Amino acid sequence: MKASLIIPTYNRGEVLCKTLEMALKQAFDDYEVIVVDQTPAYAPAVQEYLDSLASRIRYYKLTYPNVSAARNLGIRMAKGEILIFIDDDVIISKDFIISHVRNFTDEKIGGVMGLILGSQDADLKDYLAIAKSRFLACAEVNLGDIVAVEWLPSTNVSYRCRALLEAGMFDEYLRTSCEDVDMSIRVRAIGYQLLLDTKIKLVHLALSYGGCEEWDPKFSEQKEYEGCLYNNYFLLKNWRIIGFWDTLEQLFNGYRSYAFSRSVIKKGLYRCLQRNLRYIKLIKRVIVDLKKRKRILYS
């Protein structure tokens, strides 16, 4: 099977160069590297390096920052049957691609994730526990296991190309958040299985610049608002798949966190009222946006 390694990038030039060095030294014969770049301009040294790779990578420019749109462009341009997505600030081993591809011998497998480590010396037990709780693994998770999960994070993930096309690709409304969960549950809803292979590992540097952090500054009011917006859009869009009561519970939890968190309450009643009014407007915006995108909320 041919594989396509797709790397969306935004303003991480020197780190991207190091990621590409590892991407081009894989112990797998039939693969391509696709870079979808949303960076307006690079330093001369970085641009020179990228130009030197013209014959070894497929390079595309996107004129606006949107991680879902970048992945979709990569999907449309890819020639591989298996599409592997990583961030632009990761460390991968030489067997990274082959470790993903070997999981797709069964046609029922739609997507695969690996472990995402914070450092090369990370305690794997902590990440196995995270996999069990956060990604809703369907069994106990031990190192070396391959288990079914309910959703896949986009930092270390692969999909069967056919599954992505059948599911409708990434929702570009979800510009920086919830796009991976949304994609996962849609792939699962059309009959594919999702797996966690604990033998696949990468180190995510999680830099404080570039990527989503530069589009929405960390801990800012706007980032919090957009996170709530995307989460509510995702929930209302997929309520039939998630289930009515589970959707309602998650909407309530999101509302409580946004309008009545400890940090908000400490700022007084007026601040709580402000947050409540903003949340009501946010829900109205989500419903309008869903209708505009031809999503049906009620049968």
Protein backbone atom coordinates (compact mmCIF):
# COMPACT_ATOMS: atom_id res chain seq x y z
CA MET A 1 0.00 0.00 0.00
CA LYS A 2 1.21 3.47 -0.86
CA ALA A 3 1.25 5.95 2.03
CA SER A 4 1.09 9.73 2.11
CA LEU A 5 2.56 11.60 5.08
CA ILE A 6 0.70 14.93 5.33
CA ILE A 7 2.15 17.80 7.38
CA PRO A 8 0.15 21.03 7.81
CA THR A 9 2.47 23.82 8.99
CA TYR A 10 2.21 27.41 10.13
CA ASN A 11 5.15 29.64 11.06
CA ARG A 12 7.47 26.94 12.41
CA GLY A 13 10.20 27.10 9.78
CA GLU A 14 13.29 25.74 11.53
CA VAL A 15 11.34 23.10 13.44
CA LEU A 16 9.56 22.07 10.24
CA CYS A 17 12.96 21.54 8.62
CA LYS A 18 13.94 19.08 11.37
CA THR A 19 10.60 17.27 11.09
CA LEU A 20 11.08 16.93 7.33
CA GLU A 21 14.57 15.48 7.80
CA MET A 22 13.03 12.64 9.82
CA ALA A 23 10.09 12.30 7.45
CA LEU A 24 12.41 11.75 4.49
CA LYS A 25 14.41 8.99 6.19
CA GLN A 26 11.65 6.44 6.68
CA ALA A 27 12.21 2.67 6.43
CA PHE A 28 9.36 2.33 3.94
CA ASP A 29 9.63 2.26 0.17
CA ASP A 30 6.33 3.50 -1.22
CA TYR A 31 5.43 6.83 0.37
CA GLU A 32 5.29 10.54 -0.33
CA VAL A 33 5.63 13.59 1.93
CA ILE A 34 3.08 16.38 1.48
CA VAL A 35 3.55 19.76 3.16
CA VAL A 36 0.61 22.18 3.27
CA ASP A 37 2.09 25.50 4.32
CA GLN A 38 0.02 28.36 5.71
CA THR A 39 3.02 30.57 6.53
CA PRO A 40 3.11 33.97 4.71
CA ALA A 41 6.92 34.09 4.45
CA TYR A 42 10.04 32.39 5.82
CA ALA A 43 13.54 33.49 6.74
CA PRO A 44 15.90 33.08 3.73
CA ALA A 45 17.71 30.05 5.19
CA VAL A 46 14.46 28.17 5.80
CA GLN A 47 13.12 29.01 2.35
CA GLU A 48 16.37 27.87 0.76
CA TYR A 49 16.12 24.53 2.56
CA LEU A 50 12.50 24.03 1.49
CA ASP A 51 13.41 24.89 -2.10
CA SER A 52 16.18 22.26 -1.99
CA LEU A 53 13.54 19.60 -1.23
CA ALA A 54 11.43 20.41 -4.29
CA SER A 55 12.12 17.01 -5.88
CA ARG A 56 11.53 15.05 -2.66
CA ILE A 57 8.35 16.53 -1.21
CA ARG A 58 5.06 17.79 -2.58
CA TYR A 59 4.66 21.36 -1.35
CA TYR A 60 1.44 23.40 -1.38
CA LYS A 61 0.60 26.86 -0.05
CA LEU A 62 -2.64 27.81 1.66
CA THR A 63 -3.29 31.54 1.88
CA TYR A 64 -5.14 31.45 5.22
CA PRO A 65 -4.60 29.56 8.50
CA ASN A 66 -7.07 26.70 8.89
CA VAL A 67 -5.79 23.29 9.95
CA SER A 68 -8.86 21.45 8.63
CA ALA A 69 -8.57 23.14 5.23
CA ALA A 70 -4.85 22.30 5.16
CA ARG A 71 -5.54 18.62 5.83
CA ASN A 72 -8.27 18.57 3.19
CA LEU A 73 -5.91 20.03 0.61
CA GLY A 74 -3.43 17.31 1.53
CA ILE A 75 -6.13 14.66 1.10
CA ARG A 76 -7.10 15.97 -2.33
CA MET A 77 -3.48 16.01 -3.50
CA ALA A 78 -2.45 12.67 -1.96
CA LYS A 79 -1.77 9.59 -4.05
CA GLY A 80 -1.61 7.19 -1.13
CA GLU A 81 -4.19 4.68 0.02
CA ILE A 82 -3.16 5.32 3.65
CA LEU A 83 -2.94 8.96 4.76
CA ILE A 84 -0.83 9.74 7.83
CA PHE A 85 -1.18 13.11 9.57
CA ILE A 86 1.37 14.62 11.95
CA ASP A 87 2.02 18.10 13.33
CA ASP A 88 4.99 20.16 12.20
CA ASP A 89 6.73 20.02 15.60
CA VAL A 90 7.24 16.30 16.24
CA ILE A 91 10.02 13.74 16.52
CA ILE A 92 9.41 10.45 14.70
CA SER A 93 11.43 7.25 14.29
CA LYS A 94 12.47 5.59 11.02
CA ASP A 95 9.76 2.95 11.32
CA PHE A 96 6.96 5.47 11.92
CA ILE A 97 5.21 5.09 8.56
CA ILE A 98 5.49 1.30 8.35
CA SER A 99 4.14 1.04 11.91
CA HIS A 100 0.98 2.83 10.80
CA VAL A 101 0.55 1.05 7.47
CA ARG A 102 0.79 -2.48 8.87
CA ASN A 103 -2.49 -1.93 10.76
CA PHE A 104 -4.56 -1.58 7.58
CA THR A 105 -4.54 -5.17 6.28
CA ASP A 106 -8.15 -5.50 7.45
CA GLU A 107 -10.51 -3.46 5.23
CA LYS A 108 -12.69 -2.70 8.26
CA ILE A 109 -9.96 -0.54 9.82
CA GLY A 110 -10.61 3.11 9.02
CA GLY A 111 -8.11 4.88 11.27
CA VAL A 112 -5.17 4.29 13.61
CA MET A 113 -3.54 6.40 16.29
CA GLY A 114 -0.28 6.04 18.19
CA LEU A 115 0.94 7.37 21.51
CA ILE A 116 1.76 11.09 21.75
CA LEU A 117 4.60 11.67 24.18
CA GLY A 118 5.70 14.93 25.77
CA SER A 119 9.37 13.99 25.73
CA GLN A 120 11.66 11.18 24.63
CA ASP A 121 12.11 10.13 28.26
CA ALA A 122 8.39 10.14 29.05
CA ASP A 123 6.86 7.54 31.35
CA LEU A 124 4.74 5.45 28.98
CA LYS A 125 2.44 4.30 31.80
CA ASP A 126 1.05 7.84 32.09
CA TYR A 127 0.23 7.94 28.39
CA LEU A 128 -1.40 4.52 28.47
CA ALA A 129 -3.68 5.79 31.23
CA ILE A 130 -4.50 8.86 29.13
CA ALA A 131 -5.33 6.62 26.17
CA LYS A 132 -7.74 4.62 28.32
CA SER A 133 -9.57 7.63 29.76
CA ARG A 134 -9.36 10.30 27.06
CA PHE A 135 -9.69 8.27 23.87
CA LEU A 136 -12.19 5.84 25.41
CA ALA A 137 -10.25 2.68 24.71
CA CYS A 138 -12.55 -0.34 24.70
CA ALA A 139 -10.19 -2.50 26.78
CA GLU A 140 -7.34 -2.24 29.24
CA VAL A 141 -4.28 -0.74 27.56
CA ASN A 142 -0.79 -2.14 28.03
CA LEU A 143 2.39 -1.35 26.13
CA GLY A 144 2.44 -3.33 22.89
CA ASP A 145 -1.36 -3.64 22.69
CA ILE A 146 -3.59 -2.76 19.78
CA VAL A 147 -7.07 -1.84 21.04
CA ALA A 148 -10.23 -0.25 19.68
CA VAL A 149 -10.87 3.42 20.56
CA GLU A 150 -13.73 5.84 19.96
CA TRP A 151 -11.79 8.79 18.57
CA LEU A 152 -8.36 9.71 17.25
CA PRO A 153 -6.22 12.82 17.88
CA SER A 154 -4.71 14.43 14.79
CA THR A 155 -1.09 14.70 16.00
CA ASN A 156 -0.28 11.02 15.38
CA VAL A 157 -2.99 9.50 13.23
CA SER A 158 -3.55 7.65 9.97
CA TYR A 159 -6.72 7.05 7.99
CA ARG A 160 -7.69 4.92 5.04
CA CYS A 161 -8.18 7.51 2.27
CA ARG A 162 -11.44 5.90 1.21
CA ALA A 163 -12.84 6.28 4.73
CA LEU A 164 -12.10 10.00 4.81
CA LEU A 165 -13.71 10.56 1.42
CA GLU A 166 -16.79 8.57 2.38
CA ALA A 167 -17.10 10.49 5.67
CA GLY A 168 -16.80 13.88 3.94
CA MET A 169 -13.25 14.91 4.94
CA PHE A 170 -12.48 17.42 7.71
CA ASP A 171 -15.08 20.07 8.54
CA GLU A 172 -13.39 23.38 7.71
CA TYR A 173 -15.67 25.29 10.08
CA LEU A 174 -13.67 23.64 12.88
CA ARG A 175 -10.58 25.69 12.18
CA THR A 176 -8.44 24.84 15.20
CA SER A 177 -10.41 22.60 17.57
CA CYS A 178 -12.67 19.50 17.67
CA GLU A 179 -11.93 18.69 14.02
CA ASP A 180 -10.23 15.42 14.96
CA VAL A 181 -13.06 14.18 17.19
CA ASP A 182 -15.59 15.19 14.53
CA MET A 183 -13.72 13.28 11.84
CA SER A 184 -13.30 10.21 14.04
CA ILE A 185 -16.92 9.74 14.98
CA ARG A 186 -18.07 10.24 11.38
CA VAL A 187 -15.64 7.58 10.16
CA ARG A 188 -16.84 5.24 12.90
CA ALA A 189 -20.49 6.04 12.15
CA ILE A 190 -20.17 4.72 8.58
CA GLY A 191 -18.90 1.37 9.81
CA TYR A 192 -15.12 1.60 10.12
CA GLN A 193 -13.13 0.65 13.22
CA LEU A 194 -10.60 2.92 14.93
CA LEU A 195 -7.51 1.54 16.65
CA LEU A 196 -4.80 2.58 19.08
CA ASP A 197 -1.47 0.89 18.37
CA THR A 198 0.73 1.50 21.41
CA LYS A 199 3.84 0.48 19.45
CA ILE A 200 3.56 3.67 17.37
CA LYS A 201 5.08 6.59 19.23
CA LEU A 202 6.07 10.16 18.51
CA VAL A 203 7.25 13.08 20.62
CA HIS A 204 5.14 16.21 20.32
CA LEU A 205 7.18 19.30 21.17
CA ALA A 206 3.98 21.39 21.62
CA LEU A 207 5.74 24.68 20.93
CA SER A 208 4.29 27.88 22.34
CA TYR A 209 4.53 29.65 18.97
CA GLY A 210 3.19 28.88 15.53
CA GLY A 211 0.32 26.49 14.90
CA CYS A 212 -2.99 27.18 16.63
CA GLU A 213 -1.22 29.08 19.39
CA GLU A 214 -0.35 31.88 16.98
CA TRP A 215 -3.83 32.10 15.52
CA ASP A 216 -5.43 32.36 18.99
CA PRO A 217 -3.05 33.44 21.77
CA LYS A 218 -2.94 31.05 24.69
CA PHE A 219 -5.38 31.66 27.55
CA SER A 220 -6.92 34.65 25.73
CA GLU A 221 -10.62 35.47 25.93
CA GLN A 222 -10.97 34.95 22.19
CA LYS A 223 -9.41 31.49 22.30
CA GLU A 224 -11.74 30.44 25.10
CA TYR A 225 -14.74 31.77 23.17
CA GLU A 226 -13.75 29.99 19.96
CA GLY A 227 -13.07 26.76 21.82
CA CYS A 228 -16.60 26.89 23.23
CA LEU A 229 -17.99 27.81 19.79
CA TYR A 230 -16.34 24.86 18.06
CA ASN A 231 -17.29 22.44 20.83
CA ASN A 232 -20.97 23.42 20.68
CA TYR A 233 -20.95 23.29 16.87
CA PHE A 234 -19.46 19.80 17.01
CA LEU A 235 -22.01 18.59 19.58
CA LEU A 236 -25.09 19.99 17.84
CA LYS A 237 -23.89 18.85 14.43
CA ASN A 238 -23.38 15.26 15.61
CA TRP A 239 -26.08 14.89 18.26
CA ARG A 240 -27.68 11.94 16.45
CA ILE A 241 -24.40 10.03 16.58
CA ILE A 242 -23.49 11.11 20.13
CA GLY A 243 -27.00 10.62 21.50
CA PHE A 244 -29.53 13.16 22.74
CA TRP A 245 -28.85 12.89 26.48
CA ASP A 246 -25.07 12.70 26.15
CA THR A 247 -25.15 15.77 23.91
CA LEU A 248 -27.32 17.62 26.42
CA GLU A 249 -25.00 16.69 29.28
CA GLN A 250 -21.90 17.87 27.38
CA LEU A 251 -23.62 21.11 26.36
CA PHE A 252 -24.52 21.78 29.98
CA ASN A 253 -20.98 21.04 31.16
CA GLY A 254 -19.61 23.42 28.54
CA TYR A 255 -22.08 26.13 29.56
CA ARG A 256 -21.23 25.73 33.23
CA SER A 257 -17.50 25.89 32.51
CA TYR A 258 -17.84 29.00 30.32
CA ALA A 259 -20.33 31.00 32.37
CA PHE A 260 -19.82 29.78 35.96
CA SER A 261 -16.23 28.62 36.31
CA ARG A 262 -14.37 29.63 39.48
CA SER A 263 -12.34 32.24 37.63
CA VAL A 264 -15.55 33.84 36.30
CA ILE A 265 -17.38 33.76 39.65
CA LYS A 266 -14.41 35.41 41.36
CA LYS A 267 -14.88 38.40 39.08
CA GLY A 268 -18.40 38.99 40.36
CA LEU A 269 -22.05 38.81 39.34
CA TYR A 270 -21.68 41.30 36.48
CA ARG A 271 -19.01 39.12 34.89
CA CYS A 272 -21.26 36.05 35.18
CA LEU A 273 -24.11 37.91 33.50
CA GLN A 274 -21.78 39.02 30.71
CA ARG A 275 -20.67 35.45 30.13
CA ASN A 276 -24.28 34.19 30.13
CA LEU A 277 -25.34 36.72 27.51
CA ARG A 278 -22.32 35.94 25.38
CA TYR A 279 -23.04 32.22 25.64
CA ILE A 280 -26.64 32.72 24.47
CA LYS A 281 -25.38 34.67 21.46
CA LEU A 282 -22.80 31.96 20.83
CA ILE A 283 -25.49 29.23 20.71
CA LYS A 284 -27.56 31.34 18.30
CA ARG A 285 -24.51 31.78 16.10
CA VAL A 286 -23.83 28.05 16.08
CA ILE A 287 -27.41 27.22 15.05
CA VAL A 288 -27.33 29.83 12.28
CA ASP A 289 -23.96 28.56 11.06
CA LEU A 290 -25.17 24.95 11.09
CA LYS A 291 -28.21 25.88 9.01
CA LYS A 292 -26.02 27.80 6.59
CA ARG A 293 -23.87 24.69 6.17
CA LYS A 294 -26.99 22.63 5.50
CA ARG A 295 -26.78 20.68 8.74
CA ILE A 296 -30.17 19.43 9.97
CA LEU A 297 -30.59 19.73 13.72
CA TYR A 298 -34.05 18.21 14.02
CA SER A 299 -35.81 15.50 12.13
